[in-house]
N, C-alpha and C. Protein backbone atom coordinates (compact mmCIF):
# COMPACT_ATOMS: atom_id res chain seq x y z
N UNK A 1 129.99 -104.16 19.09
CA UNK A 1 130.91 -103.02 18.77
C UNK A 1 131.60 -102.50 19.93
N UNK A 2 130.78 -102.16 21.11
CA UNK A 2 131.33 -101.56 22.15
C UNK A 2 132.34 -102.50 22.95
N UNK A 3 132.10 -103.93 23.03
CA UNK A 3 132.80 -104.83 23.63
C UNK A 3 134.13 -105.03 22.74
N UNK A 4 133.90 -105.06 21.53
CA UNK A 4 135.06 -105.13 20.71
C UNK A 4 136.18 -104.03 20.83
N UNK A 5 135.56 -102.79 21.26
CA UNK A 5 136.32 -101.59 21.56
C UNK A 5 136.95 -101.68 22.91
N UNK A 6 136.65 -102.51 23.68
CA UNK A 6 137.15 -102.76 25.03
C UNK A 6 136.30 -102.15 26.20
N UNK A 7 135.11 -101.79 25.87
CA UNK A 7 134.21 -101.28 26.89
C UNK A 7 133.92 -102.41 27.96
N UNK A 8 133.64 -102.04 29.21
CA UNK A 8 133.38 -103.13 30.28
C UNK A 8 132.04 -103.81 29.91
N UNK A 9 132.04 -105.03 30.22
CA UNK A 9 130.75 -105.77 29.94
C UNK A 9 129.57 -105.28 30.71
N UNK A 10 129.91 -104.95 31.91
CA UNK A 10 128.66 -104.46 32.66
C UNK A 10 128.12 -103.01 32.23
N UNK A 11 129.07 -102.29 31.71
CA UNK A 11 128.56 -101.02 31.05
C UNK A 11 127.67 -101.24 29.93
N UNK A 12 128.12 -102.13 29.07
CA UNK A 12 127.38 -102.49 27.84
C UNK A 12 126.05 -103.10 28.25
N UNK A 13 125.94 -104.06 29.33
CA UNK A 13 124.72 -104.58 29.81
C UNK A 13 123.82 -103.40 30.34
N UNK A 14 124.40 -102.55 31.04
CA UNK A 14 123.51 -101.43 31.49
C UNK A 14 123.02 -100.58 30.22
N UNK A 15 123.54 -100.35 29.30
CA UNK A 15 123.19 -99.65 28.10
C UNK A 15 122.14 -100.46 27.37
N UNK A 16 122.12 -101.64 27.47
CA UNK A 16 121.14 -102.56 26.81
C UNK A 16 119.96 -102.78 27.82
N UNK A 17 120.02 -102.15 28.87
CA UNK A 17 118.96 -102.30 29.99
C UNK A 17 118.86 -103.65 30.58
N UNK A 18 120.00 -104.29 30.62
CA UNK A 18 120.10 -105.63 31.40
C UNK A 18 120.47 -105.31 32.84
N UNK A 19 119.87 -105.92 33.80
CA UNK A 19 120.28 -105.69 35.26
C UNK A 19 121.47 -106.55 35.48
N UNK A 20 121.77 -107.52 34.79
CA UNK A 20 122.90 -108.42 35.01
C UNK A 20 123.64 -108.62 33.74
N UNK A 21 125.04 -108.98 33.97
CA UNK A 21 125.91 -109.04 32.81
C UNK A 21 125.69 -110.42 32.16
N UNK A 22 125.14 -111.39 32.77
CA UNK A 22 125.10 -112.74 32.35
C UNK A 22 124.55 -112.94 30.90
N UNK A 23 123.47 -112.34 30.66
CA UNK A 23 122.90 -112.50 29.32
C UNK A 23 123.87 -112.00 28.18
N UNK A 24 124.14 -110.66 28.29
CA UNK A 24 125.10 -110.13 27.29
C UNK A 24 126.38 -110.95 27.22
N UNK A 25 126.87 -111.34 28.41
CA UNK A 25 128.17 -112.14 28.44
C UNK A 25 128.05 -113.43 27.72
N UNK A 26 126.83 -114.18 27.84
CA UNK A 26 126.70 -115.41 27.19
C UNK A 26 126.59 -115.13 25.71
N UNK A 27 125.84 -114.19 25.22
CA UNK A 27 125.61 -113.96 24.01
C UNK A 27 126.79 -113.35 23.17
N UNK A 28 127.48 -112.39 23.76
CA UNK A 28 128.50 -111.58 23.07
C UNK A 28 129.90 -111.92 23.50
N UNK A 29 130.20 -112.95 24.19
CA UNK A 29 131.47 -113.37 24.88
C UNK A 29 132.58 -113.34 23.76
N UNK A 30 132.25 -113.95 22.62
CA UNK A 30 133.27 -113.93 21.57
C UNK A 30 133.65 -112.49 21.06
N UNK A 31 132.91 -111.42 21.39
CA UNK A 31 133.30 -110.12 21.05
C UNK A 31 134.21 -109.41 22.09
N UNK A 32 134.46 -110.00 23.24
CA UNK A 32 135.23 -109.42 24.19
C UNK A 32 136.66 -109.75 23.93
N UNK A 33 137.50 -108.65 23.72
CA UNK A 33 138.91 -108.86 23.34
C UNK A 33 139.68 -109.39 24.54
N UNK A 34 140.71 -110.13 24.42
CA UNK A 34 141.68 -110.35 25.50
C UNK A 34 142.43 -109.13 25.70
N UNK A 35 142.16 -108.53 26.82
CA UNK A 35 142.82 -107.17 27.11
C UNK A 35 144.24 -107.32 27.60
N UNK A 36 144.50 -108.59 28.22
CA UNK A 36 145.87 -108.80 28.64
C UNK A 36 146.29 -110.19 28.43
N UNK A 37 147.14 -110.42 27.44
CA UNK A 37 147.53 -111.69 27.10
C UNK A 37 148.33 -112.47 28.25
N UNK A 38 148.75 -111.58 29.19
CA UNK A 38 149.73 -112.21 30.29
C UNK A 38 148.70 -112.53 31.53
N UNK A 39 147.32 -112.34 31.36
CA UNK A 39 146.58 -112.47 32.50
C UNK A 39 146.77 -113.99 33.17
N UNK A 40 146.72 -114.03 34.38
CA UNK A 40 146.99 -115.18 35.04
C UNK A 40 148.52 -115.59 35.39
N UNK A 41 149.43 -114.96 34.69
CA UNK A 41 150.84 -115.16 34.98
C UNK A 41 151.19 -114.89 36.35
N UNK A 42 150.68 -113.90 36.95
CA UNK A 42 151.02 -113.49 38.36
C UNK A 42 150.75 -114.76 39.34
N UNK A 43 149.56 -115.24 39.25
CA UNK A 43 149.08 -116.43 40.05
C UNK A 43 150.20 -117.60 39.81
N UNK A 44 150.48 -117.81 38.54
CA UNK A 44 151.40 -118.84 38.35
C UNK A 44 152.68 -118.63 38.87
N UNK A 45 153.24 -117.33 38.87
CA UNK A 45 154.49 -116.94 39.45
C UNK A 45 154.54 -117.11 40.89
N UNK A 46 153.36 -116.73 41.61
CA UNK A 46 153.32 -116.77 42.96
C UNK A 46 153.19 -118.30 43.42
N UNK A 47 152.18 -119.01 42.97
CA UNK A 47 151.76 -120.38 43.37
C UNK A 47 152.71 -121.45 42.97
N UNK A 48 153.42 -121.37 41.94
CA UNK A 48 154.37 -122.36 41.32
C UNK A 48 155.79 -121.95 41.41
N UNK A 49 156.14 -120.79 42.00
CA UNK A 49 157.54 -120.48 42.09
C UNK A 49 158.28 -121.22 43.15
N UNK A 50 159.47 -121.52 42.71
CA UNK A 50 160.36 -122.26 43.63
C UNK A 50 161.12 -121.28 44.57
N UNK A 51 161.01 -121.38 45.79
CA UNK A 51 161.70 -120.50 46.76
C UNK A 51 162.76 -121.21 47.47
C-alpha cells in the first residue's frame, strides 16, 4: 500500500525492519508506480542528440 502511494522503497524497507531494500524490492516491485513516465528521456536527448 505504501509503495503504491509513492513512498520511497528504502523508507518502506526501514518500516519493515529490513536493513536493505533488496528483499522488499524483489517482492513488491510490481507495487512501485512509475513516478515519471518520461524517465530516461534526458539521457537520450544528451547522448543521441545531433549537434
